[in-house]
Amino acid sequence: MSPQPAAVPSLSPEEYLAQEDLAAEKHEYIRGEVFAMAGASDGHVTTSLNIASAFKSHLRGGPCRAFIADMKLRVQATDAFFYPDVFVLCGEPSPVQPQFKTDATLIVEVLSPATEAFDRGGKFAHYRRLPGLREYALADPATRTLDLYRKGADGLWTLHPYAGDEVADFASIGLRLPLAEVFEGVGEMAVGGAR
């Protein structure tokens, strides 16, 4: 996302949440400024759905829960609200909020040309302030690669890149997911199953 402020800057978090409930399109919020979100491509949506489906199936019956792009994630330390493409929360932070969550164990953003720089830089800087975050993944449908950053016991983040026929290791939730499943259906045309 290349942040471009919407018409009404300097909103409080409460004003943002009230406005967002009535908005026809989604907006992210950073320190009083509101940023409209662009629509997603077929590859973006397919990749997000594949990951969310795999996470949901794997987590069924356990203490962790997967969320998709319609659930807001609040980063209180940086006064921001985002809509991650997919995220997992293990245990429910207190207090429970129906409009947003206040922590995440694992976050996945699906890259697009318009959002890649912000997802890799500024947004990751915000997410790193979440106390429970253990992994941050960037899935790129265009290159069929996945960069997974994992927080070590020393507090440092290590990159684990995956490409080709490799299997991504989401250690924070105990799931190994082949990239073939992450990007299944990406690039396929709906008409007649042609590629």
C-alpha atoms as a PDB file:
ATOM      1  CA  MET A   1       0.000   0.000   0.000  1.00  0.00           C
ATOM      2  CA  SER A   2       1.357   3.400  -0.925  1.00  0.00           C
ATOM      3  CA  PRO A   3      -0.311   5.469   1.767  1.00  0.00           C
ATOM      4  CA  GLN A   4      -2.441   8.274   0.346  1.00  0.00           C
ATOM      5  CA  PRO A   5      -4.523   9.991   3.022  1.00  0.00           C
ATOM      6  CA  ALA A   6      -8.258  10.048   2.516  1.00  0.00           C
ATOM      7  CA  ALA A   7     -10.178  13.318   2.808  1.00  0.00           C
ATOM      8  CA  VAL A   8     -10.605  13.313   6.599  1.00  0.00           C
ATOM      9  CA  PRO A   9      -7.279  13.266   8.503  1.00  0.00           C
ATOM     10  CA  SER A  10      -6.700  13.431  12.274  1.00  0.00           C
ATOM     11  CA  LEU A  11      -9.393  11.032  13.388  1.00  0.00           C
ATOM     12  CA  SER A  12      -9.274   9.454  16.819  1.00  0.00           C
ATOM     13  CA  PRO A  13      -9.268   5.633  16.879  1.00  0.00           C
ATOM     14  CA  GLU A  14     -12.893   5.720  18.063  1.00  0.00           C
ATOM     15  CA  GLU A  15     -13.916   8.041  15.207  1.00  0.00           C
ATOM     16  CA  TYR A  16     -12.098   5.809  12.723  1.00  0.00           C
ATOM     17  CA  LEU A  17     -13.892   2.694  13.989  1.00  0.00           C
ATOM     18  CA  ALA A  18     -17.297   4.412  13.839  1.00  0.00           C
ATOM     19  CA  GLN A  19     -16.594   5.693  10.316  1.00  0.00           C
ATOM     20  CA  GLU A  20     -15.270   2.326   9.169  1.00  0.00           C
ATOM     21  CA  ASP A  21     -18.442   0.553  10.263  1.00  0.00           C
ATOM     22  CA  LEU A  22     -20.395   2.690   7.779  1.00  0.00           C
ATOM     23  CA  ALA A  23     -17.847   2.842   4.947  1.00  0.00           C
ATOM     24  CA  ALA A  24     -18.472   1.175   1.598  1.00  0.00           C
ATOM     25  CA  GLU A  25     -14.752   0.423   1.198  1.00  0.00           C
ATOM     26  CA  LYS A  26     -12.070  -0.526   3.700  1.00  0.00           C
ATOM     27  CA  HIS A  27      -9.525   1.911   5.113  1.00  0.00           C
ATOM     28  CA  GLU A  28      -6.433   1.440   7.217  1.00  0.00           C
ATOM     29  CA  TYR A  29      -5.515   3.915   9.950  1.00  0.00           C
ATOM     30  CA  ILE A  30      -2.124   5.255  11.028  1.00  0.00           C
ATOM     31  CA  ARG A  31      -1.832   7.937  13.729  1.00  0.00           C
ATOM     32  CA  GLY A  32      -5.018   9.788  12.828  1.00  0.00           C
ATOM     33  CA  GLU A  33      -4.773   9.418   9.054  1.00  0.00           C
ATOM     34  CA  VAL A  34      -7.022   7.129   7.032  1.00  0.00           C
ATOM     35  CA  PHE A  35      -5.846   5.327   3.887  1.00  0.00           C
ATOM     36  CA  ALA A  36      -8.199   3.779   1.324  1.00  0.00           C
ATOM     37  CA  MET A  37      -7.398   0.214   0.316  1.00  0.00           C
ATOM     38  CA  ALA A  38      -7.262  -0.748  -3.340  1.00  0.00           C
ATOM     39  CA  GLY A  39      -9.102  -3.736  -4.768  1.00  0.00           C
ATOM     40  CA  ALA A  40      -7.307  -7.063  -5.042  1.00  0.00           C
ATOM     41  CA  SER A  41      -6.417  -9.109  -8.123  1.00  0.00           C
ATOM     42  CA  ASP A  42      -7.500 -12.696  -8.781  1.00  0.00           C
ATOM     43  CA  GLY A  43      -4.032 -13.972  -7.838  1.00  0.00           C
ATOM     44  CA  HIS A  44      -4.090 -12.013  -4.591  1.00  0.00           C
ATOM     45  CA  VAL A  45      -7.530 -13.275  -3.578  1.00  0.00           C
ATOM     46  CA  THR A  46      -6.758 -16.882  -4.589  1.00  0.00           C
ATOM     47  CA  THR A  47      -3.494 -16.915  -2.639  1.00  0.00           C
ATOM     48  CA  SER A  48      -5.161 -15.404   0.442  1.00  0.00           C
ATOM     49  CA  LEU A  49      -7.970 -17.953   0.297  1.00  0.00           C
ATOM     50  CA  ASN A  50      -5.549 -20.871  -0.118  1.00  0.00           C
ATOM     51  CA  ILE A  51      -3.527 -19.808   2.929  1.00  0.00           C
ATOM     52  CA  ALA A  52      -6.559 -19.024   5.089  1.00  0.00           C
ATOM     53  CA  SER A  53      -8.170 -22.372   4.183  1.00  0.00           C
ATOM     54  CA  ALA A  54      -5.004 -24.307   5.050  1.00  0.00           C
ATOM     55  CA  PHE A  55      -4.644 -22.439   8.344  1.00  0.00           C
ATOM     56  CA  LYS A  56      -8.308 -22.941   9.306  1.00  0.00           C
ATOM     57  CA  SER A  57      -8.179 -26.659   8.577  1.00  0.00           C
ATOM     58  CA  HIS A  58      -4.909 -27.106  10.464  1.00  0.00           C
ATOM     59  CA  LEU A  59      -6.015 -25.086  13.505  1.00  0.00           C
ATOM     60  CA  ARG A  60      -9.460 -26.655  13.893  1.00  0.00           C
ATOM     61  CA  GLY A  61     -10.139 -27.675  17.495  1.00  0.00           C
ATOM     62  CA  GLY A  62      -7.079 -25.930  18.915  1.00  0.00           C
ATOM     63  CA  PRO A  63      -6.408 -22.673  20.780  1.00  0.00           C
ATOM     64  CA  CYS A  64      -5.519 -20.697  17.631  1.00  0.00           C
ATOM     65  CA  ARG A  65      -7.870 -19.062  15.139  1.00  0.00           C
ATOM     66  CA  ALA A  66      -7.326 -17.764  11.594  1.00  0.00           C
ATOM     67  CA  PHE A  67      -8.786 -14.484  10.331  1.00  0.00           C
ATOM     68  CA  ILE A  68      -9.046 -13.067   6.819  1.00  0.00           C
ATOM     69  CA  ALA A  69      -8.884  -9.579   5.327  1.00  0.00           C
ATOM     70  CA  ASP A  70     -12.158  -8.287   6.786  1.00  0.00           C
ATOM     71  CA  MET A  71     -10.912  -8.385  10.402  1.00  0.00           C
ATOM     72  CA  LYS A  72      -8.947  -5.372  11.594  1.00  0.00           C
ATOM     73  CA  LEU A  73      -5.739  -5.746  13.600  1.00  0.00           C
ATOM     74  CA  ARG A  74      -4.882  -2.936  15.994  1.00  0.00           C
ATOM     75  CA  VAL A  75      -1.242  -2.115  16.692  1.00  0.00           C
ATOM     76  CA  GLN A  76      -1.737  -0.038  19.804  1.00  0.00           C
ATOM     77  CA  ALA A  77       1.969   0.796  20.202  1.00  0.00           C
ATOM     78  CA  THR A  78       1.972   2.706  16.904  1.00  0.00           C
ATOM     79  CA  ASP A  79      -1.659   3.924  16.929  1.00  0.00           C
ATOM     80  CA  ALA A  80      -2.599   1.951  13.810  1.00  0.00           C
ATOM     81  CA  PHE A  81      -5.260  -0.371  12.422  1.00  0.00           C
ATOM     82  CA  PHE A  82      -4.608  -2.698   9.471  1.00  0.00           C
ATOM     83  CA  TYR A  83      -6.484  -5.367   7.534  1.00  0.00           C
ATOM     84  CA  PRO A  84      -3.933  -8.202   7.161  1.00  0.00           C
ATOM     85  CA  ASP A  85      -4.699 -10.611   4.330  1.00  0.00           C
ATOM     86  CA  VAL A  86      -4.528 -13.531   6.776  1.00  0.00           C
ATOM     87  CA  PHE A  87      -3.537 -13.686  10.411  1.00  0.00           C
ATOM     88  CA  VAL A  88      -3.602 -16.161  13.256  1.00  0.00           C
ATOM     89  CA  LEU A  89      -4.234 -15.388  16.892  1.00  0.00           C
ATOM     90  CA  CYS A  90      -3.475 -17.983  19.544  1.00  0.00           C
ATOM     91  CA  GLY A  91      -5.482 -17.197  22.654  1.00  0.00           C
ATOM     92  CA  GLU A  92      -7.783 -14.208  22.890  1.00  0.00           C
ATOM     93  CA  PRO A  93      -6.256 -11.011  24.258  1.00  0.00           C
ATOM     94  CA  SER A  94      -8.209  -9.078  26.851  1.00  0.00           C
ATOM     95  CA  PRO A  95     -10.441  -7.174  26.440  1.00  0.00           C
ATOM     96  CA  VAL A  96     -12.258  -8.947  23.617  1.00  0.00           C
ATOM     97  CA  GLN A  97     -13.242  -6.550  20.805  1.00  0.00           C
ATOM     98  CA  PRO A  98     -15.745  -7.581  18.104  1.00  0.00           C
ATOM     99  CA  GLN A  99     -14.433  -5.023  15.545  1.00  0.00           C
ATOM    100  CA  PHE A 100     -10.731  -5.784  15.791  1.00  0.00           C
ATOM    101  CA  LYS A 101      -8.035  -7.909  17.389  1.00  0.00           C
ATOM    102  CA  THR A 102      -5.129  -6.481  19.366  1.00  0.00           C
ATOM    103  CA  ASP A 103      -2.443  -9.094  18.746  1.00  0.00           C
ATOM    104  CA  ALA A 104      -1.414 -11.831  16.337  1.00  0.00           C
ATOM    105  CA  THR A 105       0.877 -14.844  16.418  1.00  0.00           C
ATOM    106  CA  LEU A 106       1.334 -15.055  12.650  1.00  0.00           C
ATOM    107  CA  ILE A 107       0.545 -12.532   9.895  1.00  0.00           C
ATOM    108  CA  VAL A 108       0.547 -13.141   6.132  1.00  0.00           C
ATOM    109  CA  GLU A 109       0.398 -10.331   3.595  1.00  0.00           C
ATOM    110  CA  VAL A 110      -0.072 -11.180  -0.074  1.00  0.00           C
ATOM    111  CA  LEU A 111       2.000  -8.835  -2.189  1.00  0.00           C
ATOM    112  CA  SER A 112       0.897  -6.719  -5.108  1.00  0.00           C
ATOM    113  CA  PRO A 113       2.940  -4.109  -7.012  1.00  0.00           C
ATOM    114  CA  ALA A 114       1.085  -1.272  -5.265  1.00  0.00           C
ATOM    115  CA  THR A 115       1.615  -2.601  -1.711  1.00  0.00           C
ATOM    116  CA  GLU A 116       4.909  -4.506  -1.792  1.00  0.00           C
ATOM    117  CA  ALA A 117       7.229  -1.735  -0.588  1.00  0.00           C
ATOM    118  CA  PHE A 118       4.970  -0.794   2.335  1.00  0.00           C
ATOM    119  CA  ASP A 119       4.271  -4.438   3.279  1.00  0.00           C
ATOM    120  CA  ARG A 120       8.019  -5.179   3.390  1.00  0.00           C
ATOM    121  CA  GLY A 121       9.000  -1.982   5.200  1.00  0.00           C
ATOM    122  CA  GLY A 122       6.574   0.300   7.013  1.00  0.00           C
ATOM    123  CA  LYS A 123       3.853  -2.219   7.708  1.00  0.00           C
ATOM    124  CA  PHE A 124       6.338  -4.791   9.014  1.00  0.00           C
ATOM    125  CA  ALA A 125       7.769  -2.087  11.318  1.00  0.00           C
ATOM    126  CA  HIS A 126       4.277  -1.606  12.767  1.00  0.00           C
ATOM    127  CA  TYR A 127       3.595  -5.331  13.086  1.00  0.00           C
ATOM    128  CA  ARG A 128       6.887  -5.953  14.900  1.00  0.00           C
ATOM    129  CA  ARG A 129       5.474  -3.922  17.813  1.00  0.00           C
ATOM    130  CA  LEU A 130       2.789  -6.568  18.455  1.00  0.00           C
ATOM    131  CA  PRO A 131       3.828  -8.416  21.630  1.00  0.00           C
ATOM    132  CA  GLY A 132       2.745 -11.887  20.479  1.00  0.00           C
ATOM    133  CA  LEU A 133       3.934 -11.822  16.865  1.00  0.00           C
ATOM    134  CA  ARG A 134       6.264 -14.730  16.091  1.00  0.00           C
ATOM    135  CA  GLU A 135       6.126 -14.897  12.270  1.00  0.00           C
ATOM    136  CA  TYR A 136       5.434 -12.530   9.377  1.00  0.00           C
ATOM    137  CA  ALA A 137       5.091 -13.922   5.856  1.00  0.00           C
ATOM    138  CA  LEU A 138       4.981 -12.183   2.480  1.00  0.00           C
ATOM    139  CA  ALA A 139       3.484 -14.289  -0.308  1.00  0.00           C
ATOM    140  CA  ASP A 140       4.112 -13.116  -3.876  1.00  0.00           C
ATOM    141  CA  PRO A 141       1.690 -14.581  -6.443  1.00  0.00           C
ATOM    142  CA  ALA A 142       3.672 -13.041  -9.339  1.00  0.00           C
ATOM    143  CA  THR A 143       6.878 -14.931  -8.501  1.00  0.00           C
ATOM    144  CA  ARG A 144       5.295 -17.776  -6.507  1.00  0.00           C
ATOM    145  CA  THR A 145       7.687 -17.130  -3.633  1.00  0.00           C
ATOM    146  CA  LEU A 146       7.147 -16.709   0.074  1.00  0.00           C
ATOM    147  CA  ASP A 147       9.431 -14.800   2.455  1.00  0.00           C
ATOM    148  CA  LEU A 148       8.847 -15.790   6.057  1.00  0.00           C
ATOM    149  CA  TYR A 149      10.374 -13.757   8.890  1.00  0.00           C
ATOM    150  CA  ARG A 150      10.635 -15.555  12.230  1.00  0.00           C
ATOM    151  CA  LYS A 151      11.385 -13.922  15.567  1.00  0.00           C
ATOM    152  CA  GLY A 152      14.100 -15.726  17.492  1.00  0.00           C
ATOM    153  CA  ALA A 153      14.506 -16.083  21.247  1.00  0.00           C
ATOM    154  CA  ASP A 154      16.974 -13.187  21.044  1.00  0.00           C
ATOM    155  CA  GLY A 155      14.260 -10.915  19.619  1.00  0.00           C
ATOM    156  CA  LEU A 156      15.910 -10.766  16.195  1.00  0.00           C
ATOM    157  CA  TRP A 157      13.998 -11.527  12.990  1.00  0.00           C
ATOM    158  CA  THR A 158      15.431 -14.101  10.563  1.00  0.00           C
ATOM    159  CA  LEU A 159      14.368 -14.456   6.929  1.00  0.00           C
ATOM    160  CA  HIS A 160      13.371 -17.910   5.664  1.00  0.00           C
ATOM    161  CA  PRO A 161      12.777 -17.619   1.888  1.00  0.00           C
ATOM    162  CA  TYR A 162      10.816 -20.291  -0.012  1.00  0.00           C
ATOM    163  CA  ALA A 163      10.516 -20.814  -3.777  1.00  0.00           C
ATOM    164  CA  GLY A 164       9.740 -23.479  -6.369  1.00  0.00           C
ATOM    165  CA  ASP A 165       8.587 -26.798  -4.940  1.00  0.00           C
ATOM    166  CA  GLU A 166       9.692 -25.999  -1.376  1.00  0.00           C
ATOM    167  CA  VAL A 167       7.521 -26.379   1.715  1.00  0.00           C
ATOM    168  CA  ALA A 168       7.034 -23.307   3.913  1.00  0.00           C
ATOM    169  CA  ASP A 169       7.459 -24.006   7.612  1.00  0.00           C
ATOM    170  CA  PHE A 170       5.020 -21.943   9.696  1.00  0.00           C
ATOM    171  CA  ALA A 171       6.652 -22.968  12.971  1.00  0.00           C
ATOM    172  CA  SER A 172       4.478 -20.683  15.105  1.00  0.00           C
ATOM    173  CA  ILE A 173       1.445 -22.867  14.352  1.00  0.00           C
ATOM    174  CA  GLY A 174       3.211 -26.147  13.553  1.00  0.00           C
ATOM    175  CA  LEU A 175       2.222 -26.230   9.876  1.00  0.00           C
ATOM    176  CA  ARG A 176       4.357 -27.145   6.879  1.00  0.00           C
ATOM    177  CA  LEU A 177       2.622 -25.916   3.710  1.00  0.00           C
ATOM    178  CA  PRO A 178       3.871 -26.665   0.177  1.00  0.00           C
ATOM    179  CA  LEU A 179       4.115 -23.597  -2.059  1.00  0.00           C
ATOM    180  CA  ALA A 180       2.129 -25.585  -4.623  1.00  0.00           C
ATOM    181  CA  GLU A 181      -0.824 -25.334  -2.208  1.00  0.00           C
ATOM    182  CA  VAL A 182      -0.157 -21.681  -1.358  1.00  0.00           C
ATOM    183  CA  PHE A 183      -0.358 -20.700  -5.036  1.00  0.00           C
ATOM    184  CA  GLU A 184      -2.807 -23.366  -6.276  1.00  0.00           C
ATOM    185  CA  GLY A 185      -5.053 -21.883  -8.984  1.00  0.00           C
ATOM    186  CA  VAL A 186      -3.011 -18.689  -9.336  1.00  0.00           C
ATOM    187  CA  GLY A 187      -2.673 -17.738 -12.989  1.00  0.00           C
ATOM    188  CA  GLU A 188      -5.362 -20.129 -14.157  1.00  0.00           C
ATOM    189  CA  MET A 189      -8.155 -18.655 -16.242  1.00  0.00           C
ATOM    190  CA  ALA A 190     -11.712 -19.375 -15.195  1.00  0.00           C
ATOM    191  CA  VAL A 191     -12.927 -19.965 -18.768  1.00  0.00           C
ATOM    192  CA  GLY A 192     -12.589 -23.614 -19.740  1.00  0.00           C
ATOM    193  CA  GLY A 193      -9.771 -24.179 -17.242  1.00  0.00           C
ATOM    194  CA  ALA A 194      -7.214 -22.743 -19.692  1.00  0.00           C
ATOM    195  CA  ARG A 195      -3.951 -21.361 -18.409  1.00  0.00           C
END
